Protein backbone atom coordinates (compact mmCIF):
# COMPACT_ATOMS: atom_id res chain seq x y z
CA UNK A 1 150.48 57.58 80.50
CA UNK A 2 151.37 59.74 77.51
CA UNK A 3 149.52 57.58 74.87
CA UNK A 4 146.38 57.76 76.92
CA UNK A 5 146.72 61.50 77.22
CA UNK A 6 147.18 61.85 73.46
CA UNK A 7 144.09 59.71 72.89
CA UNK A 8 142.03 61.80 75.38
CA UNK A 9 143.11 65.08 73.79
CA UNK A 10 142.34 63.73 70.31
CA UNK A 11 138.84 62.78 71.42
CA UNK A 12 138.31 65.98 73.45
CA UNK A 13 140.37 68.67 71.80
CA UNK A 14 138.76 71.39 73.92
CA UNK A 15 140.66 70.07 76.92
CA UNK A 16 144.10 70.30 75.27
CA UNK A 17 146.31 72.84 77.09
CA UNK A 18 148.02 75.49 74.96
CA UNK A 19 151.58 76.67 75.36
CA UNK A 20 151.67 79.39 72.72
CA UNK A 21 153.07 81.98 75.13
CA UNK A 22 155.57 81.64 77.90
CA UNK A 23 154.38 82.50 81.35
CA UNK A 24 155.56 86.01 82.15
CA UNK A 25 154.26 87.04 85.55
CA UNK A 26 155.28 90.71 85.19
CA UNK A 27 153.71 91.02 81.76
CA UNK A 28 150.49 89.35 82.93
CA UNK A 29 150.30 91.66 85.92
CA UNK A 30 150.78 94.67 83.64
CA UNK A 31 148.12 93.45 81.21
CA UNK A 32 145.80 92.73 84.10
CA UNK A 33 146.25 96.25 85.47
CA UNK A 34 145.78 97.75 82.02
CA UNK A 35 142.67 95.68 81.38
CA UNK A 36 141.25 96.52 84.77
CA UNK A 37 141.78 100.23 84.14
CA UNK A 38 140.08 99.97 80.77
CA UNK A 39 137.18 98.02 82.22
CA UNK A 40 136.91 100.44 85.16
CA UNK A 41 136.92 103.45 82.83
CA UNK A 42 134.32 101.92 80.54
CA UNK A 43 132.12 100.96 83.48
CA UNK A 44 132.37 104.46 84.93
CA UNK A 45 131.68 106.01 81.58
CA UNK A 46 128.49 104.00 81.45
CA UNK A 47 127.18 106.00 84.39
CA UNK A 48 125.79 109.55 83.96
CA UNK A 49 128.22 112.42 84.05
CA UNK A 50 127.96 115.19 86.63
CA UNK A 51 126.29 117.47 84.10
CA UNK A 52 123.70 114.78 83.38
CA UNK A 53 123.07 114.44 87.10
CA UNK A 54 122.28 118.14 87.43
CA UNK A 55 119.99 117.89 84.43
CA UNK A 56 118.13 115.03 86.11
CA UNK A 57 117.73 117.14 89.26
CA UNK A 58 116.37 120.01 87.21
CA UNK A 59 113.82 117.75 85.53
CA UNK A 60 112.76 116.23 88.87
CA UNK A 61 112.35 119.67 90.47
CA UNK A 62 110.33 120.91 87.53
CA UNK A 63 108.11 117.82 87.68
CA UNK A 64 107.47 118.37 91.41
CA UNK A 65 106.56 122.03 90.89
CA UNK A 66 104.20 121.17 88.00
CA UNK A 67 102.57 118.42 90.08
CA UNK A 68 102.00 120.85 92.95
CA UNK A 69 100.55 123.45 90.61
CA UNK A 70 98.21 120.83 89.15
CA UNK A 71 97.15 119.67 92.63
CA UNK A 72 96.60 123.20 93.93
CA UNK A 73 95.02 124.51 90.73
CA UNK A 74 91.48 124.69 92.22
CA UNK A 75 92.72 126.76 95.16
CA UNK A 76 94.84 128.99 92.92
CA UNK A 77 91.84 129.57 90.65
CA UNK A 78 89.71 130.40 93.68
CA UNK A 79 92.17 133.01 94.91
CA UNK A 80 92.59 134.46 91.43
CA UNK A 81 88.86 134.69 90.65
CA UNK A 82 87.47 135.28 94.12
CA UNK A 83 86.30 138.83 93.40
CA UNK A 84 84.72 137.80 90.12
CA UNK A 85 82.87 134.79 91.54
CA UNK A 86 82.06 135.66 95.14
CA UNK A 87 81.86 139.42 95.43
CA UNK A 88 78.43 140.16 97.00
CA UNK A 89 75.83 140.99 94.35
CA UNK A 90 72.59 140.70 96.32
CA UNK A 91 71.04 143.65 98.13
CA UNK A 92 68.19 143.19 100.57
CA UNK A 93 65.52 145.77 101.38
CA UNK A 94 65.20 147.10 104.89
CA UNK A 95 62.61 145.17 106.92
CA UNK A 96 60.91 148.46 107.77
CA UNK A 97 59.73 148.99 104.19
CA UNK A 98 58.35 145.47 103.81
CA UNK A 99 54.71 144.82 104.51
CA UNK A 100 53.69 142.35 107.18
CA UNK A 101 54.42 138.84 105.92
CA UNK A 102 56.40 140.43 103.04
CA UNK A 103 54.67 138.32 100.39
CA UNK A 104 56.96 135.36 100.96
CA UNK A 105 54.15 132.82 101.11
CA UNK A 106 52.55 134.08 97.92
CA UNK A 107 55.36 134.24 95.40
CA UNK A 108 58.62 132.69 96.61
CA UNK A 109 60.19 129.83 94.69
CA UNK A 110 62.01 128.91 97.91
CA UNK A 111 59.98 126.36 99.94
CA UNK A 112 58.89 127.70 103.32
CA UNK A 113 61.01 125.34 105.40
CA UNK A 114 63.57 126.26 108.08
CA UNK A 115 66.27 123.64 108.67
CA UNK A 116 68.60 123.45 111.67
CA UNK A 117 70.89 120.73 113.02
CA UNK A 118 71.87 119.56 116.48
CA UNK A 119 73.22 116.36 117.98
CA UNK A 120 70.06 115.42 119.95
CA UNK A 121 66.62 116.79 120.75
CA UNK A 122 68.08 118.29 123.91
CA UNK A 123 69.21 121.77 122.88
CA UNK A 124 72.30 123.17 124.65
CA UNK A 125 71.49 126.12 126.90
CA UNK A 126 73.46 128.64 124.82
CA UNK A 127 71.32 127.84 121.76
CA UNK A 128 67.84 127.91 123.29
CA UNK A 129 67.20 131.63 122.86
CA UNK A 130 68.63 131.81 119.31
CA UNK A 131 66.46 128.85 118.34
CA UNK A 132 63.35 130.50 119.78
CA UNK A 133 64.08 133.73 117.89
CA UNK A 134 64.31 131.86 114.58
CA UNK A 135 61.17 129.82 115.17
CA UNK A 136 59.35 133.08 115.94
CA UNK A 137 60.74 134.97 112.91
CA UNK A 138 59.85 132.03 110.64
CA UNK A 139 56.58 131.10 112.30
CA UNK A 140 54.91 130.66 108.89
CA UNK A 141 57.57 128.10 107.90
CA UNK A 142 57.71 124.39 108.53
CA UNK A 143 60.45 123.79 111.10
CA UNK A 144 62.77 120.78 110.70
CA UNK A 145 65.33 120.07 113.42
CA UNK A 146 67.80 117.45 112.17
CA UNK A 147 69.40 115.39 114.93
CA UNK A 148 72.04 112.75 114.34
CA UNK A 149 69.34 110.08 114.57
CA UNK A 150 66.73 111.73 112.34
CA UNK A 151 69.38 112.73 109.79
CA UNK A 152 70.65 109.16 109.55
CA UNK A 153 67.12 107.83 109.17
CA UNK A 154 66.48 110.34 106.38
CA UNK A 155 69.68 109.31 104.57
CA UNK A 156 68.88 105.61 105.02
CA UNK A 157 65.52 106.11 103.35
CA UNK A 158 66.50 108.43 100.49
CA UNK A 159 70.31 108.32 100.06
CA UNK A 160 71.43 104.99 101.47
CA UNK A 161 74.63 105.03 99.38
CA UNK A 162 75.94 107.75 101.71
CA UNK A 163 75.47 105.84 104.97
CA UNK A 164 78.94 104.15 105.06
CA UNK A 165 80.63 107.53 104.71
CA UNK A 166 78.25 109.16 107.21
CA UNK A 167 79.02 106.49 109.83
CA UNK A 168 82.79 106.79 109.31
CA UNK A 169 83.27 110.56 109.40
CA UNK A 170 86.11 111.45 111.75
CA UNK A 171 84.24 114.35 113.41
CA UNK A 172 80.57 115.00 114.24
CA UNK A 173 80.69 118.42 112.56
CA UNK A 174 81.28 116.68 109.22
CA UNK A 175 77.88 115.02 109.59
CA UNK A 176 76.30 118.36 110.51
CA UNK A 177 77.90 119.94 107.43
CA UNK A 178 76.94 117.22 104.99
CA UNK A 179 73.31 116.75 106.07
CA UNK A 180 72.47 120.39 105.28
CA UNK A 181 73.38 119.82 101.62
CA UNK A 182 71.16 116.75 101.40
CA UNK A 183 68.09 118.32 103.00
CA UNK A 184 68.38 121.52 100.95
CA UNK A 185 68.66 119.49 97.77
CA UNK A 186 65.75 117.26 98.77
CA UNK A 187 63.37 119.84 100.27
CA UNK A 188 64.81 123.29 99.60
CA UNK A 189 64.26 126.10 102.08
CA UNK A 190 66.56 127.95 104.50
CA UNK A 191 69.32 126.50 106.64
CA UNK A 192 70.62 128.41 109.70
CA UNK A 193 73.24 127.41 112.27
CA UNK A 194 71.97 127.05 115.82
CA UNK A 195 74.08 130.00 116.99
CA UNK A 196 72.10 132.40 114.75
CA UNK A 197 69.72 134.97 116.20
CA UNK A 198 66.87 135.77 113.79
CA UNK A 199 65.75 139.40 113.81
CA UNK A 200 63.39 139.34 110.81
CA UNK A 201 62.23 137.00 108.05
CA UNK A 202 64.35 137.05 104.92
CA UNK A 203 62.36 138.45 101.96
CA UNK A 204 62.52 135.31 99.87
CA UNK A 205 60.19 136.72 97.22
CA UNK A 206 62.86 139.32 96.41
CA UNK A 207 65.50 136.70 95.62
CA UNK A 208 66.36 135.40 92.18
CA UNK A 209 65.13 136.11 88.70
CA UNK A 210 61.70 135.10 87.34
CA UNK A 211 63.46 133.74 84.24
CA UNK A 212 65.49 131.17 86.20
CA UNK A 213 63.86 128.16 87.83
CA UNK A 214 66.60 127.40 90.38
CA UNK A 215 68.02 129.79 92.91
CA UNK A 216 70.50 129.56 95.79
CA UNK A 217 71.76 132.28 98.12
CA UNK A 218 75.14 132.15 99.89
CA UNK A 219 76.89 134.38 102.41
CA UNK A 220 80.37 135.62 101.59
CA UNK A 221 83.16 135.05 104.08
CA UNK A 222 86.69 136.24 104.77
CA UNK A 223 89.28 135.91 103.29
CA UNK A 224 87.74 134.11 100.33
CA UNK A 225 84.69 132.19 99.16
CA UNK A 226 81.45 131.54 101.02
CA UNK A 227 80.39 130.09 104.34
CA UNK A 228 77.72 127.48 105.04
CA UNK A 229 76.13 128.83 108.23
CA UNK A 230 73.32 130.43 106.20
CA UNK A 231 72.02 128.73 103.06
CA UNK A 232 68.92 129.40 100.97
CA UNK A 233 67.91 127.23 98.01
CA UNK A 234 65.11 126.00 95.84
CA UNK A 235 64.61 122.23 95.87
CA UNK A 236 66.75 120.08 93.56
CA UNK A 237 69.18 122.88 92.84
CA UNK A 238 72.11 121.66 90.66
CA UNK A 239 74.65 123.13 93.09
CA UNK A 240 73.48 120.84 95.86
CA UNK A 241 73.23 117.89 93.48
CA UNK A 242 76.90 118.48 92.72
CA UNK A 243 77.74 118.96 96.40
CA UNK A 244 76.32 115.65 97.60
CA UNK A 245 77.94 113.78 94.69
CA UNK A 246 81.38 115.22 95.53
CA UNK A 247 81.32 114.58 99.27
CA UNK A 248 82.95 111.11 99.00
CA UNK A 249 85.84 112.36 96.86
CA UNK A 250 86.63 115.31 99.10
CA UNK A 251 86.48 113.14 102.20
CA UNK A 252 88.92 110.71 100.60
CA UNK A 253 91.39 113.60 100.19
CA UNK A 254 91.42 114.28 103.93
CA UNK A 255 90.74 110.92 105.56
CA UNK A 256 94.39 109.90 106.05
CA UNK A 257 95.42 113.09 107.87
CA UNK A 258 92.15 114.33 109.37
CA UNK A 259 93.19 113.58 112.96
CA UNK A 260 96.47 115.45 112.52
CA UNK A 261 94.90 118.66 111.19
CA UNK A 262 91.20 118.66 112.11
CA UNK A 263 90.35 122.23 111.08
CA UNK A 264 91.68 121.88 107.53
CA UNK A 265 90.17 118.42 107.13
CA UNK A 266 86.72 119.62 108.22
CA UNK A 267 86.85 122.71 106.01
CA UNK A 268 87.91 120.72 102.93
CA UNK A 269 85.89 117.52 103.37
CA UNK A 270 82.42 119.04 103.91
CA UNK A 271 82.76 122.54 105.35
CA UNK A 272 82.82 126.04 103.85
CA UNK A 273 85.88 125.48 101.65
CA UNK A 274 84.26 122.36 100.19
CA UNK A 275 81.07 124.27 99.36
CA UNK A 276 83.11 127.16 97.95
CA UNK A 277 84.87 124.79 95.54
CA UNK A 278 81.56 123.25 94.45
CA UNK A 279 79.98 126.65 93.77
CA UNK A 280 83.14 127.85 91.99
CA UNK A 281 82.98 124.91 89.57
CA UNK A 282 79.29 125.51 88.98
CA UNK A 283 79.74 129.20 88.20
CA UNK A 284 82.71 128.59 85.91
CA UNK A 285 80.76 126.07 83.81
CA UNK A 286 78.46 128.76 82.40
CA UNK A 287 78.78 131.99 84.32
CA UNK A 288 76.19 133.92 82.24
CA UNK A 289 73.41 131.45 83.04
CA UNK A 290 74.49 130.14 86.43
CA UNK A 291 75.19 133.52 87.99
CA UNK A 292 71.42 134.19 87.83
CA UNK A 293 70.77 130.94 89.69
CA UNK A 294 73.19 131.73 92.54
CA UNK A 295 73.57 134.90 94.56
CA UNK A 296 76.06 136.06 97.16
CA UNK A 297 75.22 138.43 100.01
CA UNK A 298 77.49 139.92 102.67
CA UNK A 299 77.01 140.22 106.42
CA UNK A 300 76.20 143.92 106.20
CA UNK A 301 73.13 143.23 104.06
CA UNK A 302 72.08 140.43 106.39
CA UNK A 303 72.53 142.41 109.60
CA UNK A 304 68.83 143.48 109.85
CA UNK A 305 67.75 139.87 109.46
CA UNK A 306 70.22 137.73 111.40
CA UNK A 307 72.93 138.06 114.03
CA UNK A 308 75.64 135.42 113.95
CA UNK A 309 76.91 134.66 117.46
CA UNK A 310 79.89 132.79 115.95
CA UNK A 311 80.23 130.25 118.73
CA UNK A 312 82.48 128.05 116.54
CA UNK A 313 81.76 125.11 118.83
CA UNK A 314 83.73 122.70 116.64
CA UNK A 315 86.93 124.75 116.48
CA UNK A 316 90.08 123.34 118.05
CA UNK A 317 93.48 124.85 118.83
CA UNK A 318 94.63 124.60 115.23
CA UNK A 319 91.67 126.67 114.01
CA UNK A 320 92.77 129.93 115.65
CA UNK A 321 96.26 129.68 114.21
CA UNK A 322 95.02 128.97 110.67
CA UNK A 323 92.41 131.71 110.84
CA UNK A 324 95.13 134.16 111.93
CA UNK A 325 97.27 133.09 108.96
CA UNK A 326 94.26 133.25 106.64
CA UNK A 327 93.87 136.96 107.34
CA UNK A 328 97.43 137.55 106.10
CA UNK A 329 97.70 136.35 102.49
CA UNK A 330 101.34 137.37 102.19
CA UNK A 331 102.14 134.92 105.00
CA UNK A 332 100.50 132.09 103.03
CA UNK A 333 102.75 132.76 100.03
CA UNK A 334 105.87 133.17 102.19
CA UNK A 335 105.26 129.92 104.05
CA UNK A 336 104.35 128.10 100.85
CA UNK A 337 107.55 129.25 99.13
CA UNK A 338 109.68 128.26 102.13
CA UNK A 339 108.09 124.81 102.39
CA UNK A 340 108.50 124.24 98.64
CA UNK A 341 112.19 125.22 98.65
CA UNK A 342 112.88 123.14 101.74
CA UNK A 343 111.14 120.14 100.18
CA UNK A 344 113.06 120.48 96.92
CA UNK A 345 116.33 120.74 98.86
CA UNK A 346 115.64 117.51 100.74
CA UNK A 347 114.66 115.69 97.53
CA UNK A 348 117.79 116.93 95.74
CA UNK A 349 120.07 115.81 98.59
CA UNK A 350 118.53 112.35 98.59
CA UNK A 351 118.90 112.05 94.82
CA UNK A 352 122.55 113.15 94.98
CA UNK A 353 123.30 110.57 97.67
CA UNK A 354 121.58 107.92 95.60
CA UNK A 355 123.52 108.97 92.50
CA UNK A 356 126.88 109.05 94.32
CA UNK A 357 126.33 105.60 95.81
CA UNK A 358 125.52 103.90 92.53
CA UNK A 359 128.31 105.71 90.66
CA UNK A 360 130.79 103.86 92.91
CA UNK A 361 129.18 100.46 92.43
CA UNK A 362 131.08 99.34 89.25
CA UNK A 363 134.58 99.96 90.72
CA UNK A 364 133.54 98.34 94.00
CA UNK A 365 132.30 95.25 92.18
CA UNK A 366 135.49 95.01 90.09
CA UNK A 367 137.66 95.44 93.18
CA UNK A 368 135.82 92.53 94.81
CA UNK A 369 136.50 90.35 91.75
CA UNK A 370 140.25 91.15 91.87
CA UNK A 371 140.37 90.26 95.55
CA UNK A 372 138.77 86.91 94.82
CA UNK A 373 141.21 86.20 91.96
CA UNK A 374 144.17 87.09 94.13
């Protein structure tokens, strides 16, 4: 057999066994342990040190805070500039000093149209008297009552791109909110909620500046911004053009959690907070020019003209709690700080667990290899 083995090894030298070193089991075990320690140390050194881990946590926390600040920037700007943007600047004369008819029909740039919304033609009992008072106070105006059916027909004819969103709103009040922006942009005029009692006709001829073509009047609200239960506007006002164009984006922000927090979703998607953000952006674009095209009035000035019954028919249980918190700004900041710290703590713990697990992986893998070799 030996000649054949010599021939095979001469043809395939790679298969020739080598006997350069004697087999020394103790020395091999020692070298194996030494090599394993070196490989284990090098593999561990390849992973981040503890100091690096804390640096990573710091960077992650900073990134989260910056992301939150970027996301909440519009709200922060609103709170910071609320007095500058939405402090009431419009004063209204007493109805007693105005002549009969007050000249509205002769010189107002606001179309003589009164808009209101309701679900159907059948008016709920609690709104019948308020509606009659407004129709009487604005008897010279064209009266448009927008029901769900007539509003949808109007949108289908003039703004069909909005129909898919209109049909898929989570709450009926979102349709009532959004349609008022469309009809004021399209026709202009005055919008009043159905729970408003009209005492006198607003002196539209006293609103705005003769040098500015467009004009819109808003009512301030507490604790910040404006409400949308009373709106006055000339037709095709840029504010309402912006409002109807932004409705899809704001609805997309709330669609996923609207059922969990209805009040916030309604306010942000199409309600007063939505309109406040739209007007804020408009005023900040060119405050010197745009401030003349938009006015803000408070409830005290409006008291001789309207009485708001504040039925809040769309409010749910969550609304009262959030309104209570909204009247206490310090509570907002305290809760926000607590939630932020708690969130960062949870994220940090998860990252540390992740880091600790993968730091052990190299030694675990090498230990498995040794077990297989043994």
